[in-house]
Amino acid sequence: MKEQSYQQFAIVQANTASTLTDLLNSKLKELKDKDPVVTFDGLTARIQYTERINIPEDLEDMYRLKGVSLTCGSCPFFEPTKKGDGTTDERTKKGKCPCASYGIAFEDGPVCETLFKMINSGEVGLCLKK
């Protein structure tokens, strides 16, 4: 994901110093995560701050911006490691995956672009657990 930033300004004016202080403090609280810098000219305060936007570079980034964060354990291709008796080996998070490098993936690792492409094309569907 790429991040772009650009400068913005906010002007706060008032008739009295106490009103300016209240208005300025309120605006600075609103902009606290945007690196505000204040300059004064009488009863006028100029606030310079930085806006940041994330630009998705692939499908995974697009889904992440929408709040979708999937792990390999939720992928239909992931096969957890099995013990000799055929049950899932809970001691390891490693498993098989035909899409992963060397055919090995970790259950709690982020899913690959292949799954996002399949979700986007409708080959794989997501559903809510009740």
N, C-alpha and C. Protein backbone atom coordinates (compact mmCIF):
# COMPACT_ATOMS: atom_id res chain seq x y z
N MET A 1 0.85 -1.17 0.00
CA MET A 1 0.00 0.00 0.00
C MET A 1 0.90 1.23 0.00
N LYS A 2 0.51 2.20 -0.78
CA LYS A 2 1.24 3.44 -0.87
C LYS A 2 0.53 4.51 -0.05
N GLU A 3 1.29 5.35 0.62
CA GLU A 3 0.69 6.45 1.37
C GLU A 3 1.11 7.77 0.74
N GLN A 4 0.14 8.63 0.52
CA GLN A 4 0.42 9.97 0.04
C GLN A 4 0.01 10.96 1.12
N SER A 5 0.75 12.06 1.19
CA SER A 5 0.38 13.09 2.15
C SER A 5 0.44 14.46 1.49
N TYR A 6 -0.35 15.37 2.01
CA TYR A 6 -0.38 16.73 1.49
C TYR A 6 -0.73 17.68 2.62
N GLN A 7 -0.30 18.92 2.48
CA GLN A 7 -0.52 19.93 3.50
C GLN A 7 -1.90 20.57 3.37
N GLN A 8 -2.50 20.86 4.50
CA GLN A 8 -3.79 21.53 4.58
C GLN A 8 -3.66 22.65 5.62
N PHE A 9 -4.60 23.58 5.59
CA PHE A 9 -4.60 24.68 6.55
C PHE A 9 -5.99 24.87 7.15
N ALA A 10 -6.01 25.32 8.38
CA ALA A 10 -7.24 25.69 9.05
C ALA A 10 -6.98 27.04 9.72
N ILE A 11 -7.93 27.94 9.60
CA ILE A 11 -7.80 29.27 10.19
C ILE A 11 -8.81 29.39 11.32
N VAL A 12 -8.34 29.86 12.48
CA VAL A 12 -9.22 30.08 13.63
C VAL A 12 -9.09 31.55 14.01
N GLN A 13 -10.25 32.24 14.05
CA GLN A 13 -10.27 33.66 14.42
C GLN A 13 -11.24 33.86 15.58
N ALA A 14 -10.94 34.88 16.37
CA ALA A 14 -11.83 35.21 17.49
C ALA A 14 -11.67 36.68 17.83
N ASN A 15 -12.59 37.18 18.66
CA ASN A 15 -12.55 38.59 19.09
C ASN A 15 -11.78 38.79 20.38
N THR A 16 -11.63 37.70 21.16
CA THR A 16 -10.89 37.80 22.43
C THR A 16 -9.89 36.65 22.51
N ALA A 17 -8.88 36.85 23.33
CA ALA A 17 -7.84 35.84 23.49
C ALA A 17 -8.40 34.55 24.11
N SER A 18 -9.33 34.68 25.05
CA SER A 18 -9.88 33.48 25.69
C SER A 18 -10.74 32.68 24.70
N THR A 19 -11.49 33.37 23.85
CA THR A 19 -12.29 32.68 22.84
C THR A 19 -11.38 32.00 21.83
N LEU A 20 -10.31 32.71 21.41
CA LEU A 20 -9.35 32.12 20.48
C LEU A 20 -8.71 30.87 21.08
N THR A 21 -8.37 30.94 22.34
CA THR A 21 -7.77 29.79 23.03
C THR A 21 -8.71 28.60 23.01
N ASP A 22 -9.97 28.82 23.34
CA ASP A 22 -10.95 27.72 23.35
C ASP A 22 -11.14 27.13 21.96
N LEU A 23 -11.32 27.99 20.97
CA LEU A 23 -11.52 27.52 19.59
C LEU A 23 -10.28 26.80 19.07
N LEU A 24 -9.11 27.35 19.35
CA LEU A 24 -7.85 26.74 18.90
C LEU A 24 -7.62 25.39 19.54
N ASN A 25 -7.84 25.31 20.85
CA ASN A 25 -7.67 24.02 21.54
C ASN A 25 -8.62 22.96 21.00
N SER A 26 -9.83 23.36 20.71
CA SER A 26 -10.81 22.43 20.14
C SER A 26 -10.35 21.93 18.77
N LYS A 27 -9.87 22.84 17.93
CA LYS A 27 -9.41 22.47 16.59
C LYS A 27 -8.15 21.61 16.66
N LEU A 28 -7.24 21.94 17.58
CA LEU A 28 -6.02 21.14 17.73
C LEU A 28 -6.32 19.73 18.22
N LYS A 29 -7.32 19.60 19.07
CA LYS A 29 -7.73 18.27 19.52
C LYS A 29 -8.25 17.45 18.35
N GLU A 30 -9.00 18.09 17.48
CA GLU A 30 -9.54 17.45 16.28
C GLU A 30 -8.41 17.01 15.33
N LEU A 31 -7.35 17.79 15.27
CA LEU A 31 -6.25 17.54 14.33
C LEU A 31 -5.03 16.88 14.98
N LYS A 32 -5.17 16.36 16.18
CA LYS A 32 -4.02 15.89 16.96
C LYS A 32 -3.17 14.82 16.25
N ASP A 33 -3.75 14.00 15.41
CA ASP A 33 -3.00 12.95 14.72
C ASP A 33 -2.46 13.40 13.36
N LYS A 34 -2.54 14.68 13.08
CA LYS A 34 -2.16 15.19 11.76
C LYS A 34 -0.99 16.18 11.83
N ASP A 35 -0.20 16.10 12.86
CA ASP A 35 1.00 16.93 13.03
C ASP A 35 0.73 18.42 12.86
N PRO A 36 -0.18 19.00 13.65
CA PRO A 36 -0.49 20.42 13.48
C PRO A 36 0.64 21.36 13.93
N VAL A 37 0.80 22.45 13.19
CA VAL A 37 1.76 23.51 13.54
C VAL A 37 0.99 24.83 13.49
N VAL A 38 1.08 25.62 14.57
CA VAL A 38 0.28 26.85 14.68
C VAL A 38 1.18 28.08 14.55
N THR A 39 0.69 29.05 13.79
CA THR A 39 1.32 30.38 13.75
C THR A 39 0.22 31.41 14.05
N PHE A 40 0.62 32.52 14.68
CA PHE A 40 -0.35 33.53 15.10
C PHE A 40 -0.12 34.85 14.37
N ASP A 41 -1.23 35.56 14.16
CA ASP A 41 -1.21 36.93 13.66
C ASP A 41 -2.33 37.66 14.41
N GLY A 42 -1.99 38.24 15.54
CA GLY A 42 -3.02 38.87 16.37
C GLY A 42 -3.95 37.82 16.94
N LEU A 43 -5.25 38.01 16.71
CA LEU A 43 -6.26 37.06 17.20
C LEU A 43 -6.67 36.06 16.11
N THR A 44 -5.75 35.81 15.21
CA THR A 44 -5.95 34.81 14.16
C THR A 44 -4.86 33.75 14.29
N ALA A 45 -5.27 32.50 14.28
CA ALA A 45 -4.32 31.38 14.34
C ALA A 45 -4.42 30.59 13.05
N ARG A 46 -3.26 30.33 12.47
CA ARG A 46 -3.22 29.53 11.24
C ARG A 46 -2.62 28.18 11.62
N ILE A 47 -3.36 27.12 11.33
CA ILE A 47 -2.91 25.77 11.66
C ILE A 47 -2.57 25.06 10.36
N GLN A 48 -1.34 24.62 10.26
CA GLN A 48 -0.90 23.83 9.12
C GLN A 48 -0.85 22.38 9.59
N TYR A 49 -1.46 21.47 8.82
CA TYR A 49 -1.46 20.07 9.21
C TYR A 49 -1.32 19.18 7.97
N THR A 50 -1.07 17.91 8.21
CA THR A 50 -0.81 16.96 7.13
C THR A 50 -1.95 15.95 7.03
N GLU A 51 -2.53 15.86 5.83
CA GLU A 51 -3.53 14.82 5.53
C GLU A 51 -2.80 13.66 4.88
N ARG A 52 -3.18 12.46 5.24
CA ARG A 52 -2.58 11.26 4.65
C ARG A 52 -3.67 10.38 4.07
N ILE A 53 -3.41 9.86 2.88
CA ILE A 53 -4.36 8.92 2.27
C ILE A 53 -3.59 7.67 1.85
N ASN A 54 -4.24 6.53 1.98
CA ASN A 54 -3.66 5.26 1.55
C ASN A 54 -4.18 4.93 0.17
N ILE A 55 -3.26 4.55 -0.71
CA ILE A 55 -3.63 4.19 -2.07
C ILE A 55 -3.32 2.70 -2.26
N PRO A 56 -4.37 1.90 -2.52
CA PRO A 56 -4.15 0.46 -2.69
C PRO A 56 -3.34 0.16 -3.96
N GLU A 57 -2.43 -0.79 -3.84
CA GLU A 57 -1.61 -1.20 -4.98
C GLU A 57 -2.05 -2.54 -5.55
N ASP A 58 -2.86 -3.29 -4.81
CA ASP A 58 -3.35 -4.58 -5.29
C ASP A 58 -4.68 -4.91 -4.60
N LEU A 59 -5.23 -6.07 -4.91
CA LEU A 59 -6.52 -6.47 -4.33
C LEU A 59 -6.45 -6.60 -2.81
N GLU A 60 -5.35 -7.13 -2.31
CA GLU A 60 -5.20 -7.28 -0.86
C GLU A 60 -5.31 -5.92 -0.17
N ASP A 61 -4.66 -4.92 -0.74
CA ASP A 61 -4.73 -3.57 -0.17
C ASP A 61 -6.15 -3.02 -0.24
N MET A 62 -6.85 -3.26 -1.33
CA MET A 62 -8.23 -2.78 -1.47
C MET A 62 -9.12 -3.39 -0.39
N TYR A 63 -8.98 -4.68 -0.16
CA TYR A 63 -9.78 -5.34 0.87
C TYR A 63 -9.38 -4.86 2.26
N ARG A 64 -8.07 -4.67 2.50
CA ARG A 64 -7.60 -4.21 3.80
C ARG A 64 -8.19 -2.83 4.12
N LEU A 65 -8.27 -1.94 3.12
CA LEU A 65 -8.86 -0.61 3.34
C LEU A 65 -10.34 -0.71 3.71
N LYS A 66 -10.99 -1.78 3.26
CA LYS A 66 -12.40 -1.99 3.60
C LYS A 66 -12.56 -2.71 4.94
N GLY A 67 -11.42 -3.04 5.59
CA GLY A 67 -11.48 -3.68 6.89
C GLY A 67 -11.42 -5.19 6.85
N VAL A 68 -11.17 -5.77 5.68
CA VAL A 68 -11.10 -7.22 5.53
C VAL A 68 -9.66 -7.66 5.75
N SER A 69 -9.44 -8.48 6.76
CA SER A 69 -8.11 -9.00 7.06
C SER A 69 -8.24 -10.50 7.26
N LEU A 70 -7.80 -11.27 6.28
CA LEU A 70 -7.95 -12.72 6.33
C LEU A 70 -6.61 -13.40 6.58
N THR A 71 -6.68 -14.57 7.19
CA THR A 71 -5.47 -15.37 7.41
C THR A 71 -5.58 -16.67 6.62
N CYS A 72 -4.43 -17.30 6.42
CA CYS A 72 -4.40 -18.55 5.65
C CYS A 72 -5.31 -19.62 6.25
N GLY A 73 -5.48 -19.58 7.58
CA GLY A 73 -6.36 -20.56 8.24
C GLY A 73 -7.80 -20.46 7.79
N SER A 74 -8.22 -19.32 7.23
CA SER A 74 -9.59 -19.16 6.74
C SER A 74 -9.70 -19.42 5.24
N CYS A 75 -8.61 -19.82 4.61
CA CYS A 75 -8.60 -20.07 3.16
C CYS A 75 -9.00 -21.53 2.89
N PRO A 76 -9.81 -21.76 1.85
CA PRO A 76 -10.22 -23.14 1.55
C PRO A 76 -9.07 -24.02 1.05
N PHE A 77 -7.97 -23.43 0.60
CA PHE A 77 -6.83 -24.21 0.12
C PHE A 77 -5.90 -24.67 1.25
N PHE A 78 -5.99 -24.04 2.40
CA PHE A 78 -5.08 -24.36 3.50
C PHE A 78 -5.43 -25.71 4.11
N GLU A 79 -4.41 -26.59 4.23
CA GLU A 79 -4.58 -27.89 4.87
C GLU A 79 -3.67 -27.95 6.08
N PRO A 80 -4.25 -27.93 7.29
CA PRO A 80 -3.40 -27.97 8.48
C PRO A 80 -2.61 -29.28 8.55
N THR A 81 -1.49 -29.24 9.25
CA THR A 81 -0.66 -30.42 9.42
C THR A 81 -1.43 -31.46 10.23
N LYS A 82 -1.35 -32.70 9.80
CA LYS A 82 -2.06 -33.79 10.48
C LYS A 82 -1.09 -34.68 11.25
N LYS A 83 -1.58 -35.24 12.34
CA LYS A 83 -0.80 -36.22 13.11
C LYS A 83 -0.95 -37.59 12.45
N GLY A 84 -0.25 -38.55 12.95
CA GLY A 84 -0.29 -39.91 12.41
C GLY A 84 -1.69 -40.51 12.43
N ASP A 85 -2.53 -40.13 13.40
CA ASP A 85 -3.89 -40.68 13.49
C ASP A 85 -4.89 -39.92 12.63
N GLY A 86 -4.42 -38.88 11.90
CA GLY A 86 -5.30 -38.14 10.99
C GLY A 86 -5.94 -36.90 11.58
N THR A 87 -5.73 -36.66 12.87
CA THR A 87 -6.29 -35.45 13.48
C THR A 87 -5.35 -34.28 13.27
N THR A 88 -5.89 -33.07 13.38
CA THR A 88 -5.09 -31.87 13.19
C THR A 88 -4.06 -31.74 14.30
N ASP A 89 -2.81 -31.45 13.91
CA ASP A 89 -1.73 -31.27 14.87
C ASP A 89 -1.79 -29.85 15.41
N GLU A 90 -2.29 -29.71 16.64
CA GLU A 90 -2.47 -28.40 17.27
C GLU A 90 -1.15 -27.78 17.72
N ARG A 91 -0.05 -28.55 17.68
CA ARG A 91 1.24 -28.03 18.14
C ARG A 91 1.88 -27.10 17.11
N THR A 92 1.43 -27.12 15.89
CA THR A 92 2.02 -26.29 14.84
C THR A 92 0.95 -25.52 14.07
N LYS A 93 1.32 -24.38 13.57
CA LYS A 93 0.40 -23.58 12.77
C LYS A 93 0.73 -23.72 11.29
N LYS A 94 1.67 -24.58 10.97
CA LYS A 94 2.11 -24.80 9.61
C LYS A 94 1.15 -25.75 8.89
N GLY A 95 0.99 -25.52 7.60
CA GLY A 95 0.14 -26.40 6.81
C GLY A 95 0.51 -26.34 5.34
N LYS A 96 -0.22 -27.11 4.55
CA LYS A 96 0.05 -27.16 3.11
C LYS A 96 -0.86 -26.16 2.39
N CYS A 97 -0.29 -25.58 1.32
CA CYS A 97 -1.07 -24.68 0.48
C CYS A 97 -0.48 -24.70 -0.93
N PRO A 98 -1.30 -25.02 -1.93
CA PRO A 98 -0.78 -25.06 -3.30
C PRO A 98 -0.39 -23.69 -3.84
N CYS A 99 -0.87 -22.63 -3.23
CA CYS A 99 -0.59 -21.27 -3.72
C CYS A 99 0.66 -20.67 -3.08
N ALA A 100 1.14 -21.24 -1.97
CA ALA A 100 2.26 -20.67 -1.22
C ALA A 100 3.60 -21.10 -1.79
N SER A 101 4.61 -20.30 -1.50
CA SER A 101 5.97 -20.67 -1.88
C SER A 101 6.34 -21.98 -1.21
N TYR A 102 6.88 -22.89 -1.96
CA TYR A 102 7.28 -24.20 -1.47
C TYR A 102 6.12 -25.02 -0.91
N GLY A 103 4.88 -24.58 -1.15
CA GLY A 103 3.71 -25.33 -0.74
C GLY A 103 3.41 -25.30 0.75
N ILE A 104 4.06 -24.41 1.49
CA ILE A 104 3.88 -24.33 2.95
C ILE A 104 3.38 -22.94 3.33
N ALA A 105 2.36 -22.91 4.19
CA ALA A 105 1.82 -21.64 4.69
C ALA A 105 1.58 -21.77 6.19
N PHE A 106 1.44 -20.63 6.86
CA PHE A 106 1.15 -20.62 8.29
C PHE A 106 -0.29 -20.16 8.51
N GLU A 107 -0.97 -20.86 9.39
CA GLU A 107 -2.39 -20.62 9.66
C GLU A 107 -2.70 -19.16 9.99
N ASP A 108 -1.81 -18.49 10.73
CA ASP A 108 -2.07 -17.10 11.13
C ASP A 108 -1.40 -16.07 10.21
N GLY A 109 -0.85 -16.53 9.09
CA GLY A 109 -0.24 -15.62 8.12
C GLY A 109 -1.29 -14.98 7.23
N PRO A 110 -0.97 -13.83 6.61
CA PRO A 110 -1.94 -13.18 5.72
C PRO A 110 -2.15 -13.98 4.45
N VAL A 111 -3.38 -14.00 3.97
CA VAL A 111 -3.68 -14.75 2.74
C VAL A 111 -2.99 -14.10 1.54
N CYS A 112 -2.84 -14.88 0.48
CA CYS A 112 -2.15 -14.41 -0.72
C CYS A 112 -3.12 -13.72 -1.69
N GLU A 113 -2.54 -13.13 -2.69
CA GLU A 113 -3.31 -12.41 -3.72
C GLU A 113 -4.27 -13.36 -4.45
N THR A 114 -3.90 -14.64 -4.56
CA THR A 114 -4.73 -15.63 -5.26
C THR A 114 -6.12 -15.72 -4.65
N LEU A 115 -6.20 -15.79 -3.33
CA LEU A 115 -7.50 -15.87 -2.67
C LEU A 115 -8.33 -14.62 -2.93
N PHE A 116 -7.70 -13.45 -2.85
CA PHE A 116 -8.43 -12.20 -3.09
C PHE A 116 -8.96 -12.14 -4.53
N LYS A 117 -8.17 -12.64 -5.47
CA LYS A 117 -8.63 -12.68 -6.88
C LYS A 117 -9.84 -13.60 -7.01
N MET A 118 -9.81 -14.73 -6.30
CA MET A 118 -10.92 -15.69 -6.37
C MET A 118 -12.17 -15.14 -5.68
N ILE A 119 -11.99 -14.40 -4.60
CA ILE A 119 -13.13 -13.76 -3.93
C ILE A 119 -13.72 -12.71 -4.86
N ASN A 120 -12.85 -11.93 -5.49
CA ASN A 120 -13.29 -10.86 -6.39
C ASN A 120 -14.03 -11.42 -7.60
N SER A 121 -13.59 -12.56 -8.10
CA SER A 121 -14.24 -13.13 -9.29
C SER A 121 -15.48 -13.95 -8.93
N GLY A 122 -15.69 -14.24 -7.66
CA GLY A 122 -16.86 -14.99 -7.24
C GLY A 122 -16.61 -16.49 -7.11
N GLU A 123 -15.39 -16.96 -7.36
CA GLU A 123 -15.07 -18.39 -7.24
C GLU A 123 -15.11 -18.83 -5.78
N VAL A 124 -14.74 -17.92 -4.89
CA VAL A 124 -14.76 -18.20 -3.45
C VAL A 124 -15.68 -17.18 -2.81
N GLY A 125 -16.51 -17.65 -1.89
CA GLY A 125 -17.44 -16.75 -1.20
C GLY A 125 -17.15 -16.74 0.30
N LEU A 126 -17.46 -15.62 0.92
CA LEU A 126 -17.33 -15.49 2.36
C LEU A 126 -18.71 -15.48 2.97
N CYS A 127 -18.85 -16.04 4.18
CA CYS A 127 -20.14 -16.00 4.85
C CYS A 127 -19.92 -15.66 6.32
N LEU A 128 -20.97 -15.17 6.97
CA LEU A 128 -20.89 -14.82 8.38
C LEU A 128 -21.18 -16.05 9.22
N LYS A 129 -20.42 -16.20 10.30
CA LYS A 129 -20.67 -17.27 11.25
C LYS A 129 -21.74 -16.82 12.21
N LYS A 130 -22.66 -17.68 12.58
CA LYS A 130 -23.71 -17.30 13.53
C LYS A 130 -23.47 -17.92 14.87
